[in-house]
Protein backbone atom coordinates (compact mmCIF):
# COMPACT_ATOMS: atom_id res chain seq x y z
CA MET A 1 -0.02 0.01 -0.10
CA GLU A 2 1.12 3.52 -0.66
CA GLU A 3 0.26 6.63 1.30
CA ILE A 4 -1.37 9.46 -0.85
CA ASP A 5 -0.98 13.19 -0.26
CA TRP A 6 -3.60 15.77 -1.12
CA LEU A 7 -3.67 18.64 -3.71
CA THR A 8 -5.03 22.07 -3.13
CA ILE A 9 -7.15 24.00 -5.59
CA GLU A 10 -4.32 26.65 -6.05
CA GLU A 11 -1.88 23.95 -7.05
CA LEU A 12 -4.21 22.67 -9.76
CA GLU A 13 -5.16 25.96 -11.29
CA VAL A 14 -2.62 25.41 -14.08
CA LEU A 15 -4.66 22.36 -15.29
CA CYS A 16 -7.33 22.82 -17.95
CA GLU A 17 -10.94 21.66 -17.30
CA ASP A 18 -11.00 18.88 -19.94
CA ASP A 19 -7.94 17.14 -18.40
CA ARG A 20 -9.27 17.53 -14.85
CA ALA A 21 -12.45 15.71 -15.85
CA VAL A 22 -10.38 12.79 -17.21
CA TYR A 23 -8.37 12.56 -13.98
CA GLU A 24 -11.45 12.82 -11.80
CA ARG A 25 -13.25 9.95 -13.71
CA ARG A 26 -10.10 7.64 -13.38
CA ILE A 27 -9.75 8.28 -9.60
CA ARG A 28 -13.50 7.60 -9.09
CA GLU A 29 -12.97 4.19 -10.63
CA LEU A 30 -10.18 3.45 -8.29
CA LEU A 31 -12.08 4.66 -5.24
CA ALA A 32 -15.02 2.41 -6.13
CA ASN A 33 -12.85 -0.57 -5.33
CA SER A 34 -11.77 0.76 -1.97
CA ASP A 35 -13.62 0.12 1.35
CA ASN A 36 -11.68 2.78 3.31
CA ASP A 37 -13.62 5.91 4.03
CA ASP A 38 -11.10 7.47 6.34
CA GLU A 39 -9.25 10.71 5.56
CA ASP A 40 -6.10 8.81 4.66
CA ILE A 41 -6.96 6.36 1.96
CA ASP A 42 -4.63 3.52 1.04
CA PHE A 43 -5.06 1.63 -2.22
CA THR A 44 -2.89 -0.34 -4.55
CA LEU A 45 -1.88 1.16 -7.95
CA ASP A 46 -1.58 -1.47 -10.60
CA ASN A 47 0.76 0.36 -12.86
CA GLU A 48 2.83 3.52 -13.33
CA GLU A 49 0.03 5.09 -15.39
CA GLU A 50 -2.33 4.90 -12.43
CA ARG A 51 0.40 6.42 -10.18
CA SER A 52 0.23 9.65 -12.22
CA MET A 53 -3.45 10.21 -11.41
CA TYR A 54 -4.41 12.89 -8.91
CA LEU A 55 -7.61 14.25 -7.42
CA VAL A 56 -9.39 17.48 -7.04
CA GLY A 57 -11.18 18.51 -3.83
CA ASP A 58 -12.17 15.22 -2.10
CA MET A 59 -9.96 13.03 -4.31
CA GLU A 60 -6.49 11.62 -3.94
CA TYR A 61 -3.37 12.10 -5.91
CA SER A 62 0.24 10.89 -5.81
CA ASP A 63 3.24 12.82 -4.59
CA ALA A 64 3.77 15.75 -6.95
CA GLU A 65 7.52 15.92 -6.43
CA GLU A 66 8.02 12.24 -6.92
CA LEU A 67 6.07 12.00 -10.11
CA GLN A 68 6.95 15.55 -11.39
CA ILE A 69 3.44 16.59 -12.53
CA PRO A 70 3.88 18.79 -15.58
CA GLU A 71 2.48 22.37 -15.82
CA PHE A 72 0.65 23.63 -19.01
CA ASN A 73 0.73 26.99 -20.76
CA SER A 74 -2.17 28.19 -22.72
CA ILE A 75 -1.71 28.96 -26.40
CA GLU A 76 -3.80 30.57 -29.12
CA THR A 77 -5.41 28.23 -31.61
CA ASP A 78 -7.59 28.61 -34.75
CA SER A 79 -10.68 27.12 -33.09
CA ASP A 80 -13.61 29.40 -32.47
CA ASP A 81 -14.70 27.83 -29.08
CA ASP A 82 -13.60 29.20 -25.75
CA SER A 83 -11.76 25.95 -24.77
CA GLU A 84 -8.06 26.29 -24.11
CA GLU A 85 -5.59 23.78 -25.56
CA PHE A 86 -2.25 22.95 -23.84
CA THR A 87 0.91 21.30 -24.97
CA GLU A 88 3.15 19.28 -22.63
CA SER A 89 6.89 19.92 -22.65
CA SER A 90 9.46 17.27 -22.39
CA ASN A 91 11.75 19.67 -20.55
CA GLU A 92 11.48 23.12 -18.91
CA TYR A 93 13.84 25.90 -17.88
CA LYS A 94 12.91 27.84 -14.80
CA ALA A 95 14.27 31.45 -14.30
CA ARG A 96 14.98 33.23 -11.01
CA ASP A 97 11.69 35.16 -11.23
CA ASP A 98 9.86 31.77 -11.68
CA THR A 99 9.26 32.31 -15.36
CA ILE A 100 8.88 28.95 -17.10
CA TRP A 101 10.37 28.45 -20.46
CA LEU A 102 9.49 25.27 -22.53
CA SER A 103 12.12 23.74 -24.68
CA GLU A 104 9.71 22.99 -27.46
CA PRO A 105 7.59 25.43 -29.46
CA ALA A 106 3.77 25.41 -29.19
CA MET A 107 1.66 23.83 -31.90
CA PRO A 108 0.93 25.74 -35.07
CA ARG A 109 -1.19 28.87 -34.47
CA LYS A 110 -2.93 31.63 -36.23
CA LEU A 111 -0.98 34.87 -37.11
CA LEU A 112 -1.01 37.02 -33.88
CA ALA A 113 -2.27 40.68 -33.93
CA HIS A 114 1.30 42.11 -33.17
CA ASN A 115 2.74 40.38 -36.24
CA VAL A 116 0.36 41.77 -38.77
CA LEU A 117 1.65 44.97 -40.42
CA ARG A 118 -0.99 47.67 -40.72
CA CYS A 119 0.68 50.56 -42.43
CA SER A 120 0.76 51.65 -46.09
CA GLY A 121 2.69 54.13 -48.13
CA ILE A 122 6.10 53.29 -46.65
CA GLY A 123 8.72 55.89 -47.41
CA PRO A 124 8.39 59.66 -48.19
CA THR A 125 4.92 61.02 -47.69
CA ARG A 126 2.77 62.39 -50.51
CA LYS A 127 3.45 66.00 -49.61
CA THR A 128 7.14 65.60 -50.26
CA LYS A 129 6.67 64.38 -53.84
CA GLY A 130 8.04 66.74 -56.53
CA LEU A 131 9.84 69.15 -54.06
CA SER A 132 13.26 70.58 -54.83
CA ILE A 133 16.28 70.09 -52.63
CA LEU A 134 15.68 73.52 -51.03
CA HIS A 135 11.97 72.84 -50.28
CA THR A 136 12.55 69.30 -49.06
CA PHE A 137 14.99 70.78 -46.46
CA LYS A 138 12.73 73.68 -45.62
CA SER A 139 9.80 71.18 -45.02
CA LEU A 140 11.93 69.87 -42.12
CA MET A 141 13.71 73.08 -40.98
CA SER A 142 10.39 74.77 -41.24
CA ALA A 143 9.54 78.51 -41.34
CA GLU A 144 8.19 78.23 -37.73
CA ILE A 145 11.68 77.12 -36.49
CA CYS A 146 13.29 79.88 -38.43
CA ASP A 147 10.95 82.42 -37.01
CA ILE A 148 11.84 81.49 -33.51
CA ILE A 149 15.60 81.71 -34.25
CA ILE A 150 15.26 85.11 -35.95
CA ARG A 151 13.08 86.59 -33.33
CA GLU A 152 15.17 85.43 -30.30
CA THR A 153 18.46 86.27 -32.07
CA ASN A 154 17.29 89.87 -32.79
CA ARG A 155 15.94 90.13 -29.23
CA LYS A 156 19.25 89.07 -27.73
CA ALA A 157 21.24 91.37 -29.88
CA LYS A 158 19.01 94.39 -29.10
CA GLN A 159 19.15 93.55 -25.36
CA TYR A 160 22.90 93.40 -25.39
CA PHE A 161 23.54 96.76 -27.27
CA ASP A 162 20.91 98.50 -25.20
CA LYS A 163 22.77 97.44 -22.02
CA VAL A 164 26.16 98.37 -23.36
CA ASN A 165 25.08 101.80 -24.56
CA THR A 166 23.29 102.51 -21.28
CA THR A 167 26.27 101.56 -19.33
CA ASN A 168 28.80 103.53 -21.46
CA PRO A 169 26.91 106.56 -22.89
CA SER A 170 30.16 108.20 -23.90
CA SER A 171 30.93 105.48 -26.49
CA ILE A 172 27.71 104.59 -28.26
CA ARG A 173 27.87 101.43 -30.35
CA SER A 174 25.60 100.89 -33.30
CA PRO A 175 23.28 97.98 -32.78
CA MET A 176 23.42 94.79 -34.83
CA LYS A 177 21.55 94.87 -38.13
CA PRO A 178 18.43 92.77 -37.65
CA LEU A 179 18.74 89.21 -38.89
CA THR A 180 16.45 88.32 -41.82
CA MET A 181 15.13 85.11 -43.26
CA SER A 182 17.41 85.09 -46.30
CA GLU A 183 20.42 85.89 -44.09
CA LEU A 184 19.53 82.94 -41.75
CA ASP A 185 19.12 80.61 -44.76
CA SER A 186 22.59 81.81 -46.08
CA TYR A 187 24.01 81.21 -42.60
CA LEU A 188 22.79 77.68 -42.61
CA GLY A 189 24.08 77.27 -46.05
CA ILE A 190 27.64 78.24 -44.95
CA LEU A 191 27.55 75.68 -42.07
CA LEU A 192 26.33 72.98 -44.40
CA LEU A 193 28.99 73.68 -46.93
CA ALA A 194 31.73 73.76 -44.27
CA GLY A 195 30.58 70.34 -43.22
CA ALA A 196 30.30 68.97 -46.79
CA THR A 197 33.94 70.05 -47.57
CA HIS A 198 35.20 68.87 -44.11
CA SER A 199 36.06 72.53 -43.16
CA ASN A 200 33.95 72.57 -39.92
CA ASN A 201 37.11 72.49 -37.87
CA VAL A 202 38.99 75.05 -39.99
CA ASN A 203 39.34 78.49 -38.57
CA SER A 204 36.70 80.79 -39.99
CA THR A 205 39.19 83.37 -41.11
CA ASP A 206 40.68 80.81 -43.48
CA LEU A 207 37.24 80.12 -44.99
CA TRP A 208 37.02 83.78 -46.21
CA LYS A 209 40.39 83.79 -48.02
CA THR A 210 40.41 83.99 -51.76
CA ASN A 211 41.83 80.47 -52.13
CA ALA A 212 38.88 78.97 -50.21
CA HIS A 213 35.39 78.07 -51.55
CA PRO A 214 33.84 81.22 -53.06
CA LEU A 215 30.47 80.70 -51.50
CA PHE A 216 31.68 81.78 -48.00
CA ARG A 217 32.81 85.34 -49.05
CA ALA A 218 30.01 85.66 -51.61
CA THR A 219 27.35 85.06 -49.08
CA MET A 220 28.26 87.41 -46.18
CA SER A 221 31.25 89.05 -44.63
CA LEU A 222 33.31 87.36 -41.98
CA ASN A 223 32.29 89.87 -39.34
CA ARG A 224 28.58 89.33 -40.04
CA PHE A 225 29.14 85.56 -39.71
CA TRP A 226 30.81 86.09 -36.31
CA GLU A 227 27.95 88.45 -35.21
CA ILE A 228 25.23 85.88 -36.12
CA THR A 229 27.05 83.16 -34.45
CA ARG A 230 27.55 85.32 -31.27
CA PHE A 231 23.95 86.27 -30.81
CA ILE A 232 22.02 83.32 -32.27
CA ARG A 233 19.44 81.96 -29.80
CA PHE A 234 16.75 79.29 -29.92
CA ASP A 235 14.37 80.21 -26.99
CA ASP A 236 13.26 83.15 -24.88
CA GLY A 237 15.87 83.65 -22.28
CA ARG A 238 13.55 85.63 -20.15
CA THR A 239 11.43 82.50 -19.31
CA ARG A 240 14.25 79.91 -19.49
CA ALA A 241 14.85 79.76 -15.77
CA ASP A 242 11.28 78.72 -14.97
CA ARG A 243 11.30 76.10 -17.87
CA LYS A 244 14.54 74.63 -16.65
CA ARG A 245 13.00 73.46 -13.39
CA ASN A 246 11.20 70.76 -15.34
CA ASP A 247 13.34 70.53 -18.41
CA LYS A 248 17.11 70.88 -18.29
CA SER A 249 17.26 71.16 -22.12
CA ALA A 250 14.81 74.08 -22.22
CA ALA A 251 17.26 76.23 -24.26
CA ILE A 252 16.87 73.99 -27.30
CA SER A 253 13.90 71.56 -26.64
CA GLU A 254 11.27 73.75 -28.40
CA ILE A 255 12.77 73.68 -31.78
CA PHE A 256 13.89 70.04 -31.32
CA GLU A 257 10.32 68.94 -30.65
CA MET A 258 9.14 70.93 -33.82
CA LEU A 259 11.80 69.09 -35.77
CA ASN A 260 10.59 65.74 -34.50
CA ALA A 261 7.06 66.68 -35.69
CA ASN A 262 8.37 67.58 -39.12
CA LEU A 263 10.40 64.32 -39.34
CA ARG A 264 7.31 62.24 -38.62
CA ALA A 265 5.20 64.18 -41.18
CA GLY A 266 7.70 63.72 -43.98
CA TYR A 267 8.29 59.99 -43.79
CA VAL A 268 6.54 56.71 -43.05
CA ALA A 269 8.66 54.12 -41.33
CA GLY A 270 8.89 50.53 -42.67
CA SER A 271 8.10 47.25 -40.89
CA ASN A 272 11.21 47.40 -38.67
CA VAL A 273 12.13 50.34 -36.42
CA THR A 274 15.48 50.50 -34.55
CA ILE A 275 15.63 52.23 -31.10
CA ASP A 276 19.07 53.13 -29.79
CA GLU A 277 21.18 55.96 -28.51
CA GLN A 278 23.20 58.58 -30.15
CA LEU A 279 26.00 60.38 -28.39
CA PHE A 280 26.64 63.91 -29.80
CA PRO A 281 30.25 64.74 -29.04
CA TYR A 282 30.45 67.72 -26.53
CA ARG A 283 32.67 68.07 -23.48
CA GLY A 284 31.29 71.44 -22.16
CA GLY A 285 29.07 71.97 -19.16
CA THR A 286 25.36 71.03 -19.88
CA GLY A 287 24.20 69.74 -16.50
CA PHE A 288 23.51 66.39 -18.28
CA THR A 289 26.74 65.49 -20.17
CA GLN A 290 27.07 61.73 -20.47
CA TYR A 291 30.15 59.50 -20.32
CA ILE A 292 29.92 56.35 -22.45
CA PRO A 293 33.40 54.63 -22.74
CA SER A 294 32.17 52.37 -25.62
CA LYS A 295 31.49 55.38 -27.86
CA PRO A 296 34.29 57.00 -29.88
CA ALA A 297 33.62 60.44 -28.49
CA LYS A 298 33.07 59.14 -24.88
CA TYR A 299 31.59 62.48 -23.67
CA GLY A 300 28.54 64.15 -25.05
CA ILE A 301 24.85 64.73 -25.14
CA LYS A 302 22.84 61.52 -25.28
CA VAL A 303 19.71 61.28 -27.52
CA TRP A 304 17.41 58.31 -27.73
CA TRP A 305 16.38 57.82 -31.39
CA ALA A 306 13.77 55.67 -33.26
CA CYS A 307 15.01 55.26 -36.84
CA ASP A 308 13.65 53.28 -39.79
CA ALA A 309 15.89 50.05 -39.81
CA ALA A 310 16.10 50.01 -43.62
CA SER A 311 16.91 53.58 -44.56
CA SER A 312 18.10 54.95 -41.14
CA TYR A 313 15.74 57.84 -41.47
CA PRO A 314 15.29 59.48 -38.05
CA ILE A 315 11.58 59.31 -37.03
CA SER A 316 11.57 60.60 -33.42
CA GLY A 317 14.16 61.60 -30.85
CA GLN A 318 14.32 62.35 -27.12
CA ILE A 319 17.10 64.16 -25.29
CA TYR A 320 18.33 62.39 -22.18
CA THR A 321 18.81 65.06 -19.40
CA GLY A 322 19.99 62.79 -16.59
CA LEU A 323 18.21 62.48 -13.24
CA ALA A 324 14.73 63.73 -12.80
CA PRO A 325 14.17 67.09 -10.88
CA SER A 326 13.28 65.06 -7.87
CA GLY A 327 16.74 63.51 -7.77
CA GLN A 328 15.55 59.92 -7.64
CA ARG A 329 17.28 57.39 -9.92
CA GLU A 330 14.87 56.10 -12.60
CA ARG A 331 14.00 52.35 -12.65
CA ASN A 332 13.34 50.44 -15.87
CA GLN A 333 14.57 53.36 -17.93
CA GLY A 334 14.94 51.30 -21.11
CA GLU A 335 11.31 50.14 -20.96
CA ARG A 336 10.10 53.69 -20.59
CA VAL A 337 12.11 55.05 -23.48
CA VAL A 338 10.92 52.29 -25.85
CA LYS A 339 7.31 52.81 -24.92
CA GLU A 340 7.52 56.57 -25.37
CA LEU A 341 9.34 56.38 -28.77
CA SER A 342 7.18 53.63 -30.04
CA TYR A 343 3.83 55.16 -29.00
CA ILE A 344 3.56 56.70 -32.38
CA PHE A 345 3.62 53.21 -33.96
CA ARG A 346 1.06 51.70 -31.69
CA GLY A 347 -1.38 49.30 -33.40
CA SER A 348 0.66 49.16 -36.64
CA GLY A 349 2.17 45.69 -36.18
CA ARG A 350 5.73 46.98 -36.70
CA SER A 351 8.73 45.22 -35.14
CA ILE A 352 10.90 47.13 -32.63
CA ILE A 353 14.67 46.25 -32.71
CA CYS A 354 16.71 47.24 -29.71
CA ASP A 355 19.80 46.18 -27.72
CA ASN A 356 20.11 44.61 -24.26
CA PHE A 357 19.79 47.99 -22.41
CA PHE A 358 16.15 48.17 -23.44
CA THR A 359 14.96 44.44 -23.91
CA SER A 360 13.10 42.70 -21.15
CA TYR A 361 10.39 40.19 -20.77
CA ASN A 362 7.88 42.66 -19.43
CA LEU A 363 8.48 45.08 -22.26
CA ALA A 364 7.88 42.30 -24.78
CA ILE A 365 4.60 41.38 -23.17
CA SER A 366 3.51 45.06 -22.81
CA LEU A 367 4.35 46.00 -26.44
CA MET A 368 2.52 42.80 -27.64
CA LEU A 369 -0.76 43.38 -25.66
CA ASP A 370 -1.00 47.18 -25.38
CA TYR A 371 0.73 48.47 -28.48
CA LYS A 372 0.24 45.52 -30.82
CA LEU A 373 3.98 45.81 -31.68
CA ALA A 374 6.58 42.99 -31.87
CA LEU A 375 10.04 43.08 -30.23
CA LEU A 376 13.36 41.66 -31.13
CA GLY A 377 16.54 42.37 -29.20
CA THR A 378 19.55 41.09 -27.31
CA VAL A 379 19.16 40.37 -23.62
CA ASN A 380 21.42 41.08 -20.59
CA LYS A 381 22.24 37.62 -19.19
CA ARG A 382 21.81 38.94 -15.67
CA ARG A 383 18.11 39.59 -16.08
CA THR A 384 15.99 37.51 -13.69
CA PHE A 385 13.86 36.00 -16.46
CA VAL A 386 16.86 34.39 -18.12
CA PRO A 387 17.40 30.83 -16.87
CA ASN A 388 20.86 29.66 -15.95
CA ASN A 389 20.86 27.14 -18.87
CA PHE A 390 20.77 30.17 -21.27
CA SER A 391 23.32 32.47 -19.53
CA ASN A 392 25.92 29.85 -18.66
CA PRO A 393 27.95 28.81 -21.70
CA LYS A 394 30.21 26.28 -19.93
CA GLY A 395 29.92 22.78 -21.14
CA ARG A 396 28.00 23.72 -24.34
CA GLU A 397 29.23 23.10 -27.84
CA VAL A 398 30.24 25.94 -30.13
CA GLN A 399 27.50 26.94 -32.57
CA SER A 400 24.83 25.22 -30.52
CA THR A 401 21.59 26.86 -29.62
CA VAL A 402 19.10 26.50 -26.72
CA PHE A 403 15.46 27.69 -27.28
CA GLY A 404 12.84 28.69 -24.76
CA PHE A 405 9.16 29.40 -25.40
CA SER A 406 6.75 31.18 -23.00
CA GLU A 407 3.42 33.03 -23.62
CA ASN A 408 4.13 33.90 -27.29
CA VAL A 409 7.69 35.00 -26.38
CA THR A 410 10.70 33.14 -27.72
CA MET A 411 14.20 33.26 -26.30
CA CYS A 412 17.38 31.67 -27.62
CA SER A 413 20.96 31.29 -26.43
CA TYR A 414 23.67 30.81 -29.14
CA ILE A 415 27.30 29.99 -28.54
CA PRO A 416 29.36 31.79 -31.21
CA LYS A 417 32.60 30.76 -29.60
CA LYS A 418 33.83 28.90 -26.60
CA ASN A 419 32.62 30.30 -23.26
CA ARG A 420 30.46 32.95 -24.68
CA ALA A 421 26.66 33.02 -25.03
CA VAL A 422 24.53 35.46 -26.88
CA VAL A 423 20.88 35.63 -25.63
CA LEU A 424 18.02 37.10 -27.71
CA LEU A 425 14.34 37.55 -27.09
CA SER A 426 11.65 37.86 -29.76
CA THR A 427 7.94 38.07 -30.24
CA ILE A 428 8.32 37.54 -33.95
CA HIS A 429 9.88 34.07 -34.17
CA TYR A 430 8.06 30.99 -32.86
CA ASP A 431 10.23 28.04 -34.05
CA LYS A 432 13.80 26.64 -33.92
CA LYS A 433 14.80 27.72 -37.42
CA ILE A 434 18.59 27.71 -37.91
CA GLN A 435 20.37 28.85 -41.03
CA GLY A 436 23.82 29.10 -42.45
CA PRO A 437 27.11 27.19 -41.95
CA LYS A 438 27.49 28.58 -38.50
CA LYS A 439 24.14 27.29 -37.52
CA LYS A 440 22.82 30.70 -36.40
CA PRO A 441 19.23 31.00 -35.24
CA GLN A 442 16.88 33.06 -37.57
CA MET A 443 16.53 35.50 -34.63
CA ILE A 444 20.20 36.42 -34.75
CA ILE A 445 20.19 36.77 -38.58
CA ASP A 446 17.22 39.15 -38.47
CA TYR A 447 18.68 41.08 -35.52
CA ASN A 448 22.01 41.62 -37.34
CA LYS A 449 20.12 42.90 -40.41
CA PHE A 450 17.90 45.45 -38.70
CA LYS A 451 19.97 46.55 -35.53
CA GLY A 452 22.05 49.30 -37.28
CA GLY A 453 19.43 51.90 -37.98
CA VAL A 454 20.66 54.50 -35.44
CA ASP A 455 24.29 53.62 -35.71
CA SER A 456 24.17 54.09 -39.56
CA MET A 457 22.57 57.53 -39.10
CA ASP A 458 25.15 58.54 -36.43
CA LYS A 459 27.96 57.47 -38.79
CA CYS A 460 26.50 59.57 -41.69
CA LEU A 461 26.10 62.61 -39.48
CA SER A 462 29.72 62.44 -38.25
CA GLU A 463 31.07 62.12 -41.85
CA TYR A 464 29.67 65.56 -42.92
CA SER A 465 29.17 67.38 -39.66
CA THR A 466 28.47 71.13 -39.30
CA LYS A 467 29.70 70.98 -35.66
CA ARG A 468 32.03 73.89 -34.82
CA LYS A 469 33.96 74.71 -31.66
CA THR A 470 31.81 76.56 -29.17
CA ASN A 471 31.38 76.95 -25.47
CA ARG A 472 27.59 77.24 -25.73
CA TRP A 473 25.95 73.79 -25.58
CA PRO A 474 22.63 75.02 -27.24
CA LEU A 475 24.49 76.17 -30.22
CA ALA A 476 26.55 72.95 -30.31
CA PHE A 477 23.34 70.86 -30.24
CA PHE A 478 21.79 73.12 -32.90
CA TYR A 479 24.58 71.92 -35.21
CA ASN A 480 23.32 68.39 -34.55
CA ILE A 481 19.74 69.52 -35.34
CA LEU A 482 21.00 70.97 -38.62
CA ASP A 483 22.79 67.76 -39.54
CA ILE A 484 19.77 65.65 -38.79
CA ALA A 485 17.51 67.87 -40.91
CA ALA A 486 19.91 67.74 -43.85
CA PHE A 487 20.39 64.01 -43.54
CA ALA A 488 16.52 63.48 -43.46
CA ALA A 489 16.04 65.88 -46.45
CA TYR A 490 18.65 63.86 -48.28
CA LYS A 491 16.88 60.54 -47.59
CA ILE A 492 13.52 61.91 -48.69
CA TYR A 493 14.93 63.62 -51.84
CA ILE A 494 16.91 60.46 -52.96
CA GLU A 495 13.97 58.10 -52.56
CA ASN A 496 11.77 60.56 -54.50
CA ASN A 497 14.46 61.02 -57.18
CA PRO A 498 16.55 57.78 -57.17
CA HIS A 499 18.52 58.53 -60.29
CA THR A 500 19.70 62.09 -59.44
CA TYR A 501 23.27 61.32 -58.36
CA GLU A 502 25.54 58.37 -59.16
CA LYS A 503 28.57 58.87 -57.00
CA ASN A 504 29.21 60.81 -53.82
CA ARG A 505 25.48 61.49 -53.67
CA ARG A 506 25.22 62.97 -50.20
CA ARG A 507 28.30 65.40 -50.56
CA LEU A 508 26.86 66.69 -53.85
CA PHE A 509 23.51 66.99 -52.33
CA LEU A 510 24.74 69.08 -49.41
CA GLN A 511 26.76 71.30 -51.72
CA GLU A 512 23.81 71.97 -53.91
CA LEU A 513 21.59 72.59 -50.88
CA SER A 514 24.01 75.10 -49.51
CA GLU A 515 24.13 77.02 -52.77
CA GLN A 516 20.33 77.04 -52.98
CA LEU A 517 20.02 78.34 -49.43
CA ALA A 518 22.55 81.16 -50.11
CA ILE A 519 21.65 82.18 -53.68
CA ALA A 520 18.92 84.71 -52.54
CA GLU A 521 21.39 86.59 -50.34
CA ILE A 522 24.19 86.36 -53.00
CA GLN A 523 21.88 87.93 -55.62
CA SER A 524 20.95 90.67 -53.17
CA ARG A 525 24.60 91.43 -52.41
CA SER A 526 25.49 91.48 -56.10
CA GLU A 527 23.36 94.55 -56.56
CA ASN A 528 25.09 96.47 -53.80
CA LYS A 529 27.92 98.45 -55.43
CA GLN A 530 29.45 99.33 -52.11
CA ILE A 531 29.94 95.62 -51.31
CA MET A 532 31.07 94.81 -54.76
CA ARG A 533 34.00 97.27 -54.37
CA HIS A 534 35.75 94.55 -52.40
CA PHE A 535 37.69 92.17 -54.60
CA GLY A 536 37.01 89.11 -52.44
CA SER A 537 33.30 89.55 -52.29
CA ARG A 538 32.95 90.42 -55.99
CA SER A 539 35.06 87.47 -57.24
CA GLY A 540 33.16 85.16 -54.92
CA VAL A 541 29.74 86.37 -56.26
CA GLU A 542 30.86 86.18 -59.86
CA SER A 543 32.12 82.64 -59.33
CA ILE A 544 28.88 81.45 -57.78
CA LEU A 545 26.69 83.26 -60.38
CA GLY A 546 28.87 82.12 -63.22
CA HIS A 547 29.19 85.44 -64.94
CA PRO A 548 30.97 88.78 -64.39
CA LEU A 549 28.98 91.62 -62.89
CA LEU A 550 27.90 94.34 -65.26
CA HIS A 551 29.13 97.21 -63.03
CA SER A 552 32.47 95.60 -62.16
CA GLN A 553 35.75 96.39 -63.86
CA ASN A 554 37.39 94.14 -66.27
CA ILE A 555 38.59 91.02 -64.24
CA GLN A 556 41.90 90.88 -66.00
CA GLU A 557 42.65 94.59 -65.17
CA VAL A 558 41.68 94.07 -61.58
CA LEU A 559 43.94 90.97 -61.20
CA GLU A 560 46.92 92.96 -62.66
CA ASN A 561 46.73 95.36 -59.74
CA ARG A 562 46.28 92.62 -57.12
CA ASP A 563 48.75 90.38 -55.32
CA ALA A 564 48.46 86.74 -54.66
CA SER A 565 46.16 87.29 -51.61
CA GLY A 566 43.77 89.45 -53.69
CA ARG A 567 44.74 92.78 -52.17
CA ILE A 568 45.89 95.85 -54.07
CA LYS A 569 49.67 95.76 -54.60
CA HIS A 570 52.05 98.09 -52.83
CA LYS A 571 52.38 101.38 -54.60
CA GLY A 572 55.53 102.42 -52.72
CA ASN A 573 56.30 105.00 -50.04
CA CYS A 574 54.23 108.16 -49.64
CA TYR A 575 56.03 110.99 -51.48
CA LEU A 576 54.68 113.67 -49.02
CA CYS A 577 55.77 111.94 -45.77
CA LYS A 578 59.12 112.88 -44.22
CA THR A 579 59.51 109.26 -43.09
CA LYS A 580 59.16 106.32 -45.46
CA ARG A 581 55.53 105.10 -45.07
CA SER A 582 54.48 102.14 -47.23
CA THR A 583 51.10 102.56 -48.87
CA ARG A 584 48.73 100.81 -51.32
CA LYS A 585 47.16 104.03 -52.41
CA ALA A 586 48.01 106.36 -55.24
CA CYS A 587 46.71 109.72 -56.53
CA GLU A 588 44.07 109.40 -59.22
CA ARG A 589 45.74 112.09 -61.34
CA CYS A 590 49.50 111.89 -60.94
CA GLN A 591 49.56 108.24 -59.82
CA LYS A 592 52.11 109.04 -57.14
CA PRO A 593 52.00 106.81 -53.97
CA VAL A 594 50.28 108.74 -51.10
CA CYS A 595 49.24 107.60 -47.60
CA GLY A 596 45.86 107.99 -45.93
CA ILE A 597 47.07 111.03 -43.98
CA HIS A 598 47.89 112.98 -47.10
CA ALA A 599 44.99 111.88 -49.11
CA VAL A 600 41.54 113.53 -49.54
CA HIS A 601 38.52 111.26 -48.85
CA ILE A 602 35.20 112.10 -50.53
CA THR A 603 32.02 110.53 -49.18
CA ARG A 604 29.30 109.80 -51.61
CA CYS A 605 26.04 107.78 -51.44
CA ASN A 606 25.61 104.54 -53.45
CA GLN A 607 23.47 106.22 -56.18
CA CYS A 608 25.87 109.22 -56.68
CA ALA A 609 28.86 106.85 -56.59
């Protein structure tokens, strides 16, 4: 005889109703042959099959630990009735948080809601069709963004000169000429051209020399470039202190959010979206500068990005500003970032690709149920939902894979080389498919294919960057905004016009964009005779326009009177000075060299001149 223990209702909740009825019927048959009505019932079990029977409520069962009664997980089926079907696993893996992973996949199922793509018109939106390079860029760097920059730049300049003139009334300084839309466009064109020609780290004085690109000196003077760079602002400084209490990036966040809206309106992401981090290089004081030793720059401003995995087009970004104003450390930050960036894709059935900083079992379930989105990403092996069989590579063969299946979530552990395990989690794959000579799971192949969306964008931005040396972090981050807008405009224009360029497509695109941004200001300057008196400005304007100006002198005659730097040659020493004083001037009548002290200057207006 064998003593029988008792099961509780809680321990049997994992069993389905149909199986329970089978077990109850079998135990009733056994009890019918027993004459013992006491609480502890002894009866002989004929075979091992009968030993596995157990009871509910008033019925008996065998020892659960000795017989190892299996648990069952519910799966979705194609049947229309409400009955749940279960599949029994030959082996299980239990994680530290008690998550059970079955070694065998569930039976074939219908296509789940988060795996059905529900979006159309992937790529550039309809409103970007037929736009020129300039208008494609202006659809992202919109007039609303430029209006904020122009308004706050002029306000800052006026505030500064009013303060200086009030403090020192004896030396009145003339205020800065107000910034206009055409001047701002030309300023952006100069920055883009400097990035396209890898001149962003060159001293600005060298860019305005006659041996440099003619667009720089044709667009505006060097002093005007310095003046705009000095006073350019991106928010209202009078209210910044109040806004910084809740937003450390208040100096730039307004136009950054406007850029995000324009990026989403100009492009529809494909079926796979990559979420990762970008570290914009900057070592100055921001209050939220990050140190990431794995990045090439190591120090900078961290931005979370959601990019299209195929084209690397930036869809939405979020600046990371460190600790919250409360000072408490954030928990499950990766899950929060993925949910906020993928909120715009909810219900679309897209797949989110991310690395081990973001991926978790709870995130996979939440995206699947609440957002109808799939998840594929690497997993930190120290996570509590990862069983030891997956994280421990010791004793396992190279190129071997262990699979686990739990609640429509699949996890695999692959051994690429000795004593190293790579763990991935997916709500896209539901089988043990392996491909290639290295026997890689399909999960790893798909992850390697789509993981580089943000990294590819970051690489392109660094190749032709407009970033210049500055001690003001809002201006430094504005260079990043400008790079992103130009990169996104390039992606939109190239997909709308795939046969425009053959080689060096992005460099040629940026050069043409810079010329189109500056051409209005160049044409305006070409009509100003006072500006065209300067050899550098005139030669630059004529080079960009492609023809000599009507009111200019003959170019050959001008060049004969100029030295290699473009300045007027030395005429000699002033014949009226007692001491030898070198001069570049000469009398218009006798052509004798004369200095500025012994020369007569006549002031005339532009029309009379």
